[in-house]
Amino acid sequence: MILGRHPSCRIVLDDASVSREHAQILYEQGLYVLKDLHSRNGTQLNGQPIRGRTALHDGDEIKICDFTFIFLLTHNPLPAFDSSGLNPQETLLTREPAEEHHSEDLEVYAPEIEIVENAKENSAIITMPAGSSEQGLRLNIKPEAKLRAILEISMALGRVVVLSQVLDVILKSLFKIFPQADSGFVLLRDQESDKLHLRGSQSRRSINDDVPISMTVVRQAMETGQAILSIDVGEDRRFQSSESLVDMQLRSLMCTPLMEVGGVALGVMQVSTFDVSQSFHADDLDIFVSVGAQAALAVENSSLHERLLDQREFDRDLEIAAQVQLGFLPSAPPTLDGYEFADYYEAAHSIGGDYYDFIRLSDGRIATVIGDVAGKGIPAALLMARLHASVRYHLSNAQRAELALASLNTEMADSAMGYRFITLSIAILDPVAHEIQLASAGHPPPILRRHGRQAKMVSHSESGMPLGIMRDLKYKSLTIPLGQDDSIVFYTDGITEAMNHANVLFAKERASKSISKGPKSVKELIPALIGDVDKFCEGKPQSDDICVIAIRRL
């Protein structure tokens, strides 16, 4: 009686790790003997590999790859048999006693095969009656065993989220399910370049072996969204024109696209074998596609997890950047006898491009600076940080608002700012002469309120171009006298360009009206102005940075 994988064997063991004709049980000179037929993975008797003929005794354990048999000379009913010590796919091999033994092998007998369930391993129960031995006994994996394999993979994948670990679990699981597989790999599509990259591979031969990859098969799976089974690659008409497959000497393969929920292919998964006698079949493809569905979901979840971690790290970096940026801004308005100062700053995002500062000059004057870097977010914030240092430097050298703007513009124009520009106003307060020297580089004009009553825009026809557009520009300044109870409010376009749900702008007119009717104290006036903007926007999210500073002569 021959045991092996070939259909002509008396006992067919449907497992690629089993050789075509693996072992034989013979009856010689009144004894039963076990013979290994030069199998690839060997035959064990009672845990020891055998060579040549070895006598069999009642109760001996025969192990062929993942199959275990117990040889019984007499058939005894086993209703209370303890299966706890058996491995998955463990089998009882029994024979009825016979009066004559004229044949040298056991083909005259019909062995009774029973796969016994192992409570620990949860292996399948398969029962085959003795009468079926006439056609050869084939030990197939039942559907519930296939399902169990998928569930085991699902459980294993549920314990890992890192992509490299996910792919390692998938490939190791495939090699367990398909012992005939010699190599396997996973290719994933890069979202930015839209190219496939090898993200995981495994070879049964050696860790250092290169895994063969045929883009002919991969492209077909990706383009069609269908799994591919090639039982014999050499005879497969679909791939006869592929020289790469011929060079790789692949004999059988399965390839399935990894599809995300939206129906887009994330990549492909493939296993292959170099032995044509151990090819894959349709039932293998069913399992492989099921594993592919689990793998695609795990890869997608892993990618989402990685993006979440990246986003968290990015958010932490932004939080630190926001704290650093706030460190560039004044911690509190200046104090000066006879004057009151107030400020307000809120970025539309974590960090912003609006900038303001109060700078005490060496002669006792105070420079009030407000600016707006074109754009928002990180690039604008980086320019804002540079502007903070540059403004102080040029003001300390120039002492006049228009000269400081001119030298600052030359620096910015000579810098690579990535086609960005900066609007900026410099107002230098002279507390002795009670006047403000104002120079502007394209910044919105301030609003001046006289005697705590009517407010209007400060007309400044000499306002120059924003910084960084053209070098060697000249700027002009305007002198504004301040009487008692006069206030001047500087702002960025986050105020005037604030928009409600009807896409109507708050505009300069509403800003002037709000300041006209607002409280006398600028420390109360600015919160009132911000409140009017919020009320106008009706809860619509802020789309631009907002910065407001105000000066009032008491």
Protein backbone atom coordinates (compact mmCIF):
# COMPACT_ATOMS: atom_id res chain seq x y z
CA MET A 1 0.00 0.00 0.00
CA ILE A 2 1.53 3.30 -1.14
CA LEU A 3 0.87 6.61 0.61
CA GLY A 4 1.56 9.82 -1.31
CA ARG A 5 0.20 12.81 -3.14
CA HIS A 6 -0.34 11.20 -6.54
CA PRO A 7 -3.97 10.22 -7.34
CA SER A 8 -2.89 6.64 -8.08
CA CYS A 9 -1.75 6.13 -4.47
CA ARG A 10 -3.90 3.91 -2.26
CA ILE A 11 -3.95 6.62 0.39
CA VAL A 12 -3.81 10.07 -1.19
CA LEU A 13 -2.40 12.78 1.05
CA ASP A 14 -3.39 16.10 -0.52
CA ASP A 15 -0.52 18.24 0.71
CA ALA A 16 2.26 19.74 -1.38
CA SER A 17 4.87 18.85 1.23
CA VAL A 18 4.08 15.14 0.63
CA SER A 19 5.97 13.50 -2.24
CA ARG A 20 4.09 11.95 -5.15
CA GLU A 21 4.89 8.46 -3.83
CA HIS A 22 6.04 9.09 -0.31
CA ALA A 23 6.01 5.80 1.66
CA GLN A 24 4.87 2.20 1.36
CA ILE A 25 3.56 -0.42 3.81
CA LEU A 26 4.49 -3.98 2.87
CA TYR A 27 3.79 -7.47 4.28
CA GLU A 28 6.98 -9.52 4.21
CA GLN A 29 7.64 -12.90 5.83
CA GLY A 30 4.84 -12.55 8.33
CA LEU A 31 5.70 -8.95 9.26
CA TYR A 32 4.42 -5.56 8.21
CA VAL A 33 7.20 -3.14 7.27
CA LEU A 34 7.29 0.57 6.48
CA LYS A 35 9.47 1.82 3.65
CA ASP A 36 10.27 5.44 2.72
CA LEU A 37 10.24 5.87 -1.07
CA HIS A 38 13.05 8.43 -1.20
CA SER A 39 10.60 11.18 -0.27
CA ARG A 40 11.68 14.80 -0.12
CA ASN A 41 10.65 15.40 3.50
CA GLY A 42 11.15 11.89 4.84
CA THR A 43 9.00 9.49 6.87
CA GLN A 44 9.08 9.10 10.65
CA LEU A 45 8.25 6.05 12.74
CA ASN A 46 7.64 6.75 16.42
CA GLY A 47 9.33 10.13 16.04
CA GLN A 48 12.48 8.82 14.30
CA PRO A 49 13.25 9.08 10.58
CA ILE A 50 13.48 5.73 8.83
CA ARG A 51 15.79 4.45 6.14
CA GLY A 52 14.99 1.38 4.08
CA ARG A 53 12.52 -1.13 5.49
CA THR A 54 11.49 -0.89 9.14
CA ALA A 55 9.24 -3.36 10.91
CA LEU A 56 5.83 -2.15 12.10
CA HIS A 57 4.30 -3.12 15.42
CA ASP A 58 0.89 -2.64 16.94
CA GLY A 59 0.41 0.99 18.05
CA ASP A 60 3.34 2.40 16.07
CA GLU A 61 3.03 6.03 15.04
CA ILE A 62 3.73 6.87 11.39
CA LYS A 63 4.25 10.52 10.50
CA ILE A 64 4.32 11.82 6.94
CA CYS A 65 4.75 15.59 6.94
CA ASP A 66 1.65 16.99 8.71
CA PHE A 67 -0.19 13.63 8.65
CA THR A 68 0.08 11.21 11.57
CA PHE A 69 -1.13 7.61 11.46
CA ILE A 70 -1.37 4.97 14.18
CA PHE A 71 -0.80 1.41 12.94
CA LEU A 72 -3.09 -1.16 14.63
CA LEU A 73 -2.82 -4.85 13.87
CA THR A 74 -6.34 -5.45 15.19
CA HIS A 75 -9.36 -3.25 14.72
CA ASN A 76 -10.88 -2.17 18.02
CA PRO A 77 -13.77 0.27 18.34
CA LEU A 78 -12.51 3.51 19.84
CA PRO A 79 -15.51 5.34 21.23
CA ALA A 80 -13.57 6.70 24.17
CA PHE A 81 -10.32 7.36 22.33
CA ASP A 82 -8.42 10.30 23.87
CA SER A 83 -7.44 12.56 21.00
CA SER A 84 -5.82 15.25 23.12
CA GLY A 85 -2.34 14.02 22.25
CA LEU A 86 -2.86 13.96 18.50
CA ASN A 87 -1.74 16.64 16.13
CA PRO A 88 -3.92 18.22 13.43
CA GLN A 89 -4.66 15.79 10.61
CA GLU A 90 -3.78 12.86 12.88
CA THR A 91 -5.07 9.56 11.46
CA LEU A 92 -5.77 6.09 12.73
CA LEU A 93 -4.60 3.36 10.36
CA THR A 94 -6.21 0.01 11.20
CA ARG A 95 -6.74 -3.33 9.51
CA GLU A 96 -9.02 -6.25 10.06
CA PRO A 97 -7.20 -9.52 10.76
CA ALA A 98 -7.09 -11.86 7.76
CA GLU A 99 -6.58 -15.55 7.63
CA GLU A 100 -4.25 -15.45 4.65
CA HIS A 101 -1.50 -13.07 3.59
CA HIS A 102 -0.56 -14.03 0.07
CA SER A 103 0.27 -10.51 -1.11
CA GLU A 104 3.37 -8.60 -0.24
CA ASP A 105 1.56 -5.32 0.31
CA LEU A 106 -1.70 -4.33 1.87
CA GLU A 107 -3.73 -3.57 -1.23
CA VAL A 108 -5.84 -6.67 -0.44
CA TYR A 109 -7.08 -4.90 2.68
CA ALA A 110 -9.19 -1.79 2.99
CA PRO A 111 -7.72 0.32 5.77
CA GLU A 112 -10.09 2.44 7.75
CA ILE A 113 -9.06 6.09 7.87
CA GLU A 114 -10.38 8.53 10.43
CA ILE A 115 -9.20 12.07 11.04
CA VAL A 116 -9.67 12.67 14.75
CA GLU A 117 -10.42 16.14 16.04
CA ASN A 118 -7.87 17.62 18.40
CA ALA A 119 -9.59 19.77 20.99
CA LYS A 120 -6.50 21.93 21.41
CA GLU A 121 -5.70 22.47 17.75
CA ASN A 122 -9.32 22.56 16.52
CA SER A 123 -8.47 20.46 13.47
CA ALA A 124 -11.18 19.26 11.10
CA ILE A 125 -13.04 15.96 11.52
CA ILE A 126 -13.06 13.94 8.32
CA THR A 127 -14.43 10.40 8.20
CA MET A 128 -13.87 8.14 5.22
CA PRO A 129 -15.52 4.70 5.00
CA ALA A 130 -13.41 1.69 4.10
CA GLY A 131 -15.30 1.16 0.88
CA SER A 132 -13.93 4.35 -0.60
CA SER A 133 -10.44 2.89 -0.64
CA GLU A 134 -11.15 1.20 -3.95
CA GLN A 135 -10.69 4.57 -5.66
CA GLY A 136 -7.91 5.75 -3.34
CA LEU A 137 -8.38 7.86 -0.23
CA ARG A 138 -7.83 11.60 -0.64
CA LEU A 139 -7.42 13.68 2.53
CA ASN A 140 -8.83 17.07 1.57
CA ILE A 141 -9.12 20.12 3.76
CA LYS A 142 -12.76 20.67 4.58
CA PRO A 143 -14.38 24.11 4.15
CA GLU A 144 -14.45 24.66 7.91
CA ALA A 145 -10.69 24.09 8.04
CA LYS A 146 -10.22 26.68 5.31
CA LEU A 147 -12.41 29.09 7.25
CA ARG A 148 -10.42 28.35 10.37
CA ALA A 149 -7.22 29.25 8.53
CA ILE A 150 -8.72 32.57 7.49
CA LEU A 151 -9.90 33.26 11.04
CA GLU A 152 -6.46 32.46 12.41
CA ILE A 153 -4.95 34.97 10.00
CA SER A 154 -7.56 37.54 11.01
CA MET A 155 -6.73 37.03 14.67
CA ALA A 156 -3.01 37.29 13.98
CA LEU A 157 -3.49 40.46 11.94
CA GLY A 158 -5.64 41.93 14.70
CA ARG A 159 -2.60 41.92 16.99
CA VAL A 160 -0.33 43.99 14.73
CA VAL A 161 -0.72 47.41 13.13
CA VAL A 162 2.77 48.26 11.90
CA LEU A 163 2.88 47.63 8.15
CA SER A 164 6.11 45.60 8.20
CA GLN A 165 4.66 43.35 10.92
CA VAL A 166 1.37 43.02 9.05
CA LEU A 167 3.14 41.89 5.87
CA ASP A 168 5.34 39.48 7.84
CA VAL A 169 2.24 37.86 9.39
CA ILE A 170 0.57 37.59 5.98
CA LEU A 171 3.54 35.94 4.29
CA LYS A 172 4.22 33.52 7.14
CA SER A 173 0.54 32.56 7.18
CA LEU A 174 0.59 31.92 3.43
CA PHE A 175 3.56 29.60 3.80
CA LYS A 176 1.66 27.64 6.46
CA ILE A 177 -1.49 27.36 4.37
CA PHE A 178 0.41 26.55 1.16
CA PRO A 179 3.39 24.35 2.05
CA GLN A 180 4.15 23.92 -1.65
CA ALA A 181 4.96 27.63 -1.94
CA ASP A 182 8.66 28.34 -2.48
CA SER A 183 8.42 32.12 -2.51
CA GLY A 184 5.95 34.90 -1.90
CA PHE A 185 5.87 38.68 -2.00
CA VAL A 186 3.67 41.73 -1.51
CA LEU A 187 3.92 44.79 -3.75
CA LEU A 188 2.19 47.99 -2.63
CA ARG A 189 1.40 51.07 -4.67
CA ASP A 190 3.01 54.32 -3.57
CA GLN A 191 0.28 56.97 -3.41
CA GLU A 192 2.58 59.81 -4.46
CA SER A 193 4.47 58.22 -7.34
CA ASP A 194 1.73 55.66 -8.19
CA LYS A 195 4.48 53.06 -8.60
CA LEU A 196 4.62 49.58 -7.09
CA HIS A 197 7.28 48.90 -4.48
CA LEU A 198 8.32 45.61 -2.89
CA ARG A 199 7.26 45.88 0.75
CA GLY A 200 7.53 42.27 1.91
CA SER A 201 8.93 38.97 0.64
CA GLN A 202 9.70 35.47 1.86
CA SER A 203 11.56 32.52 0.39
CA ARG A 204 11.50 28.98 1.70
CA ARG A 205 14.93 28.29 0.26
CA SER A 206 17.02 31.04 1.86
CA ILE A 207 16.53 34.38 3.54
CA ASN A 208 18.96 35.98 1.10
CA ASP A 209 17.32 34.53 -2.02
CA ASP A 210 15.89 37.07 -4.42
CA VAL A 211 12.16 36.56 -4.83
CA PRO A 212 11.18 36.26 -8.52
CA ILE A 213 8.74 38.97 -9.61
CA SER A 214 7.12 39.03 -13.03
CA MET A 215 5.52 42.36 -13.83
CA THR A 216 3.54 40.66 -16.61
CA VAL A 217 1.48 38.79 -14.02
CA VAL A 218 1.40 41.74 -11.61
CA ARG A 219 0.14 44.19 -14.22
CA GLN A 220 -2.61 41.83 -15.35
CA ALA A 221 -3.83 41.38 -11.77
CA MET A 222 -3.71 45.14 -11.09
CA GLU A 223 -5.43 46.12 -14.34
CA THR A 224 -8.20 43.53 -14.23
CA GLY A 225 -8.70 43.46 -10.47
CA GLN A 226 -8.93 39.66 -10.79
CA ALA A 227 -6.90 36.94 -9.09
CA ILE A 228 -4.68 34.82 -11.36
CA LEU A 229 -3.99 31.09 -11.05
CA SER A 230 -1.45 29.45 -13.33
CA ILE A 231 -1.29 25.72 -12.60
CA ASP A 232 1.59 25.27 -15.05
CA VAL A 233 3.24 28.53 -16.07
CA GLY A 234 5.19 26.86 -18.87
CA GLU A 235 1.98 25.70 -20.55
CA ASP A 236 -0.05 28.84 -19.80
CA ARG A 237 -0.80 30.62 -23.07
CA ARG A 238 -1.36 33.91 -21.25
CA PHE A 239 2.30 34.13 -20.30
CA GLN A 240 4.14 32.29 -23.08
CA SER A 241 5.41 35.59 -24.48
CA SER A 242 6.91 36.61 -21.16
CA GLU A 243 10.65 35.95 -21.23
CA SER A 244 10.98 36.94 -17.58
CA LEU A 245 8.74 34.08 -16.46
CA VAL A 246 10.79 31.62 -18.50
CA ASP A 247 14.03 32.93 -16.98
CA MET A 248 12.61 32.71 -13.46
CA GLN A 249 11.72 29.04 -13.98
CA LEU A 250 8.44 29.44 -12.13
CA ARG A 251 6.20 26.40 -12.43
CA SER A 252 2.97 27.43 -10.71
CA LEU A 253 1.75 30.65 -9.17
CA MET A 254 -1.18 32.54 -7.68
CA CYS A 255 -1.45 36.32 -7.75
CA THR A 256 -4.28 38.43 -6.37
CA PRO A 257 -4.75 42.20 -6.26
CA LEU A 258 -5.20 43.76 -2.84
CA MET A 259 -8.35 45.85 -3.27
CA GLU A 260 -9.33 48.65 -0.93
CA VAL A 261 -12.94 49.42 -0.05
CA GLY A 262 -13.37 51.83 -2.96
CA GLY A 263 -12.33 49.21 -5.50
CA VAL A 264 -8.84 50.61 -6.10
CA ALA A 265 -5.91 48.19 -6.10
CA LEU A 266 -3.49 48.85 -3.23
CA GLY A 267 -1.02 46.35 -4.64
CA VAL A 268 -0.66 42.62 -5.25
CA MET A 269 0.16 39.47 -3.32
CA GLN A 270 1.72 36.44 -4.98
CA VAL A 271 3.01 32.98 -4.08
CA SER A 272 4.83 30.66 -6.47
CA THR A 273 6.53 27.28 -6.64
CA PHE A 274 9.41 25.93 -8.71
CA ASP A 275 8.10 22.35 -8.67
CA VAL A 276 5.49 21.63 -11.35
CA SER A 277 4.43 18.50 -9.48
CA GLN A 278 3.38 20.68 -6.55
CA SER A 279 1.25 23.15 -8.44
CA PHE A 280 -1.57 25.25 -7.06
CA HIS A 281 -5.20 24.45 -7.88
CA ALA A 282 -8.61 26.11 -7.89
CA ASP A 283 -9.35 25.33 -4.24
CA ASP A 284 -5.99 26.89 -3.33
CA LEU A 285 -6.99 30.02 -5.22
CA ASP A 286 -10.23 30.27 -3.21
CA ILE A 287 -8.27 30.37 0.03
CA PHE A 288 -5.65 32.69 -1.46
CA VAL A 289 -8.27 35.23 -2.56
CA SER A 290 -9.87 35.11 0.90
CA VAL A 291 -6.49 35.73 2.51
CA GLY A 292 -5.95 38.55 0.02
CA ALA A 293 -9.16 40.25 1.15
CA GLN A 294 -8.01 40.04 4.78
CA ALA A 295 -4.55 41.26 3.79
CA ALA A 296 -5.94 44.25 1.87
CA LEU A 297 -8.01 45.32 4.86
CA ALA A 298 -5.03 44.89 7.19
CA VAL A 299 -2.75 46.88 4.86
CA GLU A 300 -5.34 49.64 4.57
CA ASN A 301 -5.79 49.77 8.35
CA SER A 302 -2.03 49.79 8.82
CA SER A 303 -1.68 52.68 6.38
CA LEU A 304 -4.38 54.59 8.22
CA HIS A 305 -2.60 53.86 11.50
CA GLU A 306 0.70 55.15 10.10
CA ARG A 307 -0.98 58.29 8.77
CA LEU A 308 -2.60 58.81 12.16
CA LEU A 309 0.76 58.51 13.90
CA ASP A 310 2.33 60.88 11.36
CA GLN A 311 -0.53 63.33 11.89
CA ARG A 312 -0.12 63.15 15.65
CA GLU A 313 3.59 63.80 15.35
CA PHE A 314 2.90 66.65 12.93
CA ASP A 315 0.33 68.10 15.32
CA ARG A 316 2.85 67.94 18.16
CA ASP A 317 5.41 69.72 15.97
CA LEU A 318 2.82 72.36 15.10
CA GLU A 319 2.01 72.84 18.76
CA ILE A 320 5.69 73.42 19.52
CA ALA A 321 5.99 75.72 16.49
CA ALA A 322 2.97 77.71 17.69
CA GLN A 323 4.58 78.15 21.09
CA VAL A 324 7.83 79.25 19.47
CA GLN A 325 5.96 81.69 17.24
CA LEU A 326 4.09 83.19 20.17
CA GLY A 327 7.50 83.71 21.74
CA PHE A 328 8.32 86.11 18.89
CA LEU A 329 5.29 88.22 19.70
CA PRO A 330 5.21 90.70 22.60
CA SER A 331 4.30 89.07 25.90
CA ALA A 332 2.40 92.25 26.87
CA PRO A 333 1.75 95.71 25.42
CA PRO A 334 4.21 98.43 26.47
CA THR A 335 3.44 100.85 29.27
CA LEU A 336 3.98 104.56 28.73
CA ASP A 337 2.78 107.54 30.72
CA GLY A 338 -0.10 109.25 28.98
CA TYR A 339 -0.73 106.39 26.57
CA GLU A 340 -2.58 103.11 26.46
CA PHE A 341 -1.67 100.12 24.27
CA ALA A 342 -3.61 96.95 23.44
CA ASP A 343 -3.12 93.98 21.10
CA TYR A 344 -4.85 90.84 19.83
CA TYR A 345 -3.57 87.91 17.76
CA GLU A 346 -5.23 84.69 16.58
CA ALA A 347 -3.93 82.42 13.84
CA ALA A 348 -6.42 80.74 11.52
CA HIS A 349 -4.43 77.52 11.94
CA SER A 350 -1.97 76.39 14.57
CA ILE A 351 0.60 78.86 13.27
CA GLY A 352 0.13 81.90 11.08
CA GLY A 353 1.77 84.60 9.02
CA ASP A 354 0.51 87.73 10.78
CA TYR A 355 3.12 89.64 12.74
CA TYR A 356 3.20 92.55 15.15
CA ASP A 357 5.68 94.06 17.56
CA PHE A 358 6.32 96.97 19.88
CA ILE A 359 9.93 98.17 19.69
CA ARG A 360 11.43 100.78 22.02
CA LEU A 361 13.96 102.90 20.16
CA SER A 362 17.05 104.36 21.75
CA ASP A 363 15.61 107.92 21.79
CA GLY A 364 12.51 106.90 23.79
CA ARG A 365 10.12 106.56 20.87
CA ILE A 366 8.09 103.38 20.42
CA ALA A 367 7.75 101.73 17.02
CA THR A 368 4.53 99.82 16.43
CA VAL A 369 4.89 97.30 13.61
CA ILE A 370 2.18 95.14 12.03
CA GLY A 371 2.55 92.89 9.00
CA ASP A 372 0.95 90.11 7.02
CA VAL A 373 2.94 87.48 5.13
CA ALA A 374 1.13 86.26 2.02
CA GLY A 375 -0.30 82.82 2.65
CA LYS A 376 -0.88 80.86 5.83
CA GLY A 377 0.60 77.96 7.71
CA ILE A 378 4.24 76.89 8.00
CA PRO A 379 5.79 78.86 5.08
CA ALA A 380 4.15 82.08 6.25
CA ALA A 381 5.18 81.40 9.85
CA LEU A 382 8.82 80.89 8.83
CA LEU A 383 8.87 84.23 7.02
CA MET A 384 7.19 85.85 10.00
CA ALA A 385 10.01 84.56 12.25
CA ARG A 386 12.59 86.07 9.92
CA LEU A 387 10.67 89.33 9.73
CA HIS A 388 10.74 89.63 13.52
CA ALA A 389 14.56 89.84 13.58
CA SER A 390 14.94 91.89 10.39
CA VAL A 391 12.52 94.65 11.41
CA ARG A 392 14.33 95.24 14.69
CA TYR A 393 17.67 95.40 12.91
CA HIS A 394 16.60 97.88 10.24
CA LEU A 395 14.71 100.11 12.70
CA SER A 396 17.73 100.34 14.97
CA ASN A 397 19.84 101.51 12.02
CA ALA A 398 17.40 103.75 10.13
CA GLN A 399 15.47 105.46 12.97
CA ARG A 400 12.84 106.54 10.40
CA ALA A 401 9.90 104.49 9.29
CA GLU A 402 10.27 105.01 5.53
CA LEU A 403 14.03 104.33 5.55
CA ALA A 404 13.56 101.17 7.60
CA LEU A 405 10.96 99.95 5.08
CA ALA A 406 13.28 100.64 2.14
CA SER A 407 16.24 98.70 3.57
CA LEU A 408 13.94 95.92 4.73
CA ASN A 409 12.43 95.62 1.25
CA THR A 410 15.88 95.31 -0.33
CA GLU A 411 16.73 92.44 2.01
CA MET A 412 13.47 90.63 1.28
CA ALA A 413 13.73 91.16 -2.49
CA ASP A 414 17.23 89.68 -2.50
CA SER A 415 16.00 86.63 -0.57
CA ALA A 416 14.41 83.54 -2.06
CA MET A 417 10.93 83.90 -0.58
CA GLY A 418 9.21 81.61 -3.04
CA TYR A 419 7.15 84.31 -4.80
CA ARG A 420 5.74 85.50 -1.48
CA PHE A 421 5.39 89.08 -0.39
CA ILE A 422 4.76 90.90 2.88
CA THR A 423 2.52 93.87 3.64
CA LEU A 424 3.85 95.92 6.55
CA SER A 425 3.13 99.17 8.42
CA ILE A 426 5.60 100.90 10.72
CA ALA A 427 4.20 103.58 13.04
CA ILE A 428 6.73 105.33 15.29
CA LEU A 429 5.13 107.11 18.25
CA ASP A 430 6.85 110.19 19.62
CA PRO A 431 5.42 110.58 23.16
CA VAL A 432 6.91 114.06 23.50
CA ALA A 433 5.60 115.56 20.25
CA HIS A 434 2.46 113.38 20.51
CA GLU A 435 2.59 112.34 16.89
CA ILE A 436 2.97 109.18 14.84
CA GLN A 437 5.26 108.77 11.86
CA LEU A 438 3.59 106.23 9.57
CA ALA A 439 5.05 104.40 6.57
CA SER A 440 3.27 101.56 4.79
CA ALA A 441 4.29 98.83 2.35
CA GLY A 442 0.90 97.90 0.91
CA HIS A 443 -0.71 97.26 4.30
CA PRO A 444 -4.38 98.15 4.98
CA PRO A 445 -4.66 101.74 6.29
CA PRO A 446 -5.23 102.21 10.04
CA ILE A 447 -8.46 103.59 11.48
CA LEU A 448 -8.17 106.85 13.46
CA ARG A 449 -10.79 107.82 16.06
CA ARG A 450 -10.74 111.48 17.16
CA HIS A 451 -11.81 112.42 20.69
CA GLY A 452 -13.29 108.99 21.26
CA ARG A 453 -16.05 109.57 18.69
CA GLN A 454 -16.11 109.35 14.89
CA ALA A 455 -13.59 106.96 13.31
CA LYS A 456 -12.31 107.00 9.74
CA MET A 457 -9.63 105.46 7.61
CA VAL A 458 -6.29 107.23 7.47
CA SER A 459 -5.79 108.20 3.86
CA HIS A 460 -2.27 107.40 2.78
CA SER A 461 -1.85 107.83 -0.93
CA GLU A 462 1.90 107.44 -0.58
CA SER A 463 1.66 103.83 0.56
CA GLY A 464 4.28 101.78 -1.29
CA MET A 465 4.40 98.30 -2.73
CA PRO A 466 4.56 95.22 -0.47
CA LEU A 467 7.98 94.01 0.60
CA GLY A 468 9.88 91.54 -1.55
CA ILE A 469 8.30 92.28 -4.93
CA MET A 470 10.92 94.69 -6.31
CA ARG A 471 14.20 95.87 -4.86
CA ASP A 472 15.47 99.49 -4.62
CA LEU A 473 12.05 100.96 -3.84
CA LYS A 474 11.61 104.21 -1.94
CA TYR A 475 8.87 104.70 0.63
CA LYS A 476 7.31 107.85 2.05
CA SER A 477 5.99 108.55 5.53
CA LEU A 478 2.99 110.41 6.91
CA THR A 479 2.84 112.31 10.22
CA ILE A 480 -0.35 111.93 12.27
CA PRO A 481 -0.80 114.18 15.33
CA LEU A 482 -2.59 112.64 18.33
CA GLY A 483 -4.81 114.75 20.57
CA GLN A 484 -6.18 113.76 23.93
CA ASP A 485 -8.52 110.75 23.77
CA ASP A 486 -7.47 110.04 20.17
CA SER A 487 -7.05 106.36 19.23
CA ILE A 488 -5.51 104.65 16.22
CA VAL A 489 -6.18 101.03 15.36
CA PHE A 490 -3.96 98.88 13.11
CA TYR A 491 -5.19 95.52 11.79
CA THR A 492 -4.59 92.82 9.20
CA ASP A 493 -7.01 91.79 6.47
CA GLY A 494 -8.32 88.96 8.66
CA ILE A 495 -10.67 91.64 10.06
CA THR A 496 -11.92 93.29 6.89
CA GLU A 497 -12.02 90.10 4.83
CA ALA A 498 -13.88 88.05 7.43
CA MET A 499 -16.88 86.49 5.67
CA ASN A 500 -20.33 85.29 6.72
CA HIS A 501 -22.26 82.32 5.31
CA ALA A 502 -23.59 84.53 2.51
CA ASN A 503 -19.96 85.23 1.50
CA VAL A 504 -20.33 88.92 2.41
CA LEU A 505 -17.18 90.64 3.68
CA PHE A 506 -17.04 92.45 7.02
CA ALA A 507 -15.20 95.20 5.09
CA LYS A 508 -13.54 98.43 6.21
CA GLU A 509 -16.84 100.27 6.61
CA ARG A 510 -18.12 97.88 9.28
CA ALA A 511 -14.72 97.97 10.97
CA SER A 512 -14.91 101.80 11.13
CA LYS A 513 -18.47 101.72 12.53
CA SER A 514 -17.50 99.15 15.14
CA ILE A 515 -14.57 101.30 16.31
CA SER A 516 -16.71 104.47 16.29
CA LYS A 517 -19.26 103.03 18.71
CA GLY A 518 -16.78 101.00 20.71
CA PRO A 519 -15.52 101.69 24.25
CA LYS A 520 -13.00 104.48 24.84
CA SER A 521 -10.37 102.22 26.34
CA VAL A 522 -8.50 100.38 23.60
CA LYS A 523 -8.16 97.41 25.97
CA GLU A 524 -11.95 97.11 25.74
CA LEU A 525 -12.25 98.40 22.17
CA ILE A 526 -10.34 95.52 20.57
CA PRO A 527 -12.43 92.74 22.22
CA ALA A 528 -15.56 94.64 21.14
CA LEU A 529 -14.29 94.76 17.55
CA ILE A 530 -13.50 91.04 17.57
CA GLY A 531 -16.96 90.36 19.00
CA ASP A 532 -18.60 92.30 16.15
CA VAL A 533 -16.61 90.29 13.61
CA ASP A 534 -17.63 86.98 15.23
CA LYS A 535 -21.28 88.06 15.32
CA PHE A 536 -21.16 89.05 11.66
CA CYS A 537 -19.59 85.73 10.61
CA GLU A 538 -22.42 83.79 12.33
CA GLY A 539 -20.16 80.98 13.43
CA LYS A 540 -18.38 80.50 10.12
CA PRO A 541 -14.83 79.27 10.78
CA GLN A 542 -12.03 81.81 10.63
CA SER A 543 -10.25 81.59 7.28
CA ASP A 544 -7.40 84.02 7.85
CA ASP A 545 -5.11 85.12 10.64
CA ILE A 546 -6.35 88.08 12.68
CA CYS A 547 -4.12 90.67 14.29
CA VAL A 548 -5.15 94.01 15.84
CA ILE A 549 -3.09 96.58 17.79
CA ALA A 550 -4.27 99.96 19.09
CA ILE A 551 -2.78 103.08 20.67
CA ARG A 552 -4.73 105.69 22.63
CA ARG A 553 -3.55 108.99 24.03
CA LEU A 554 -5.11 109.50 27.44
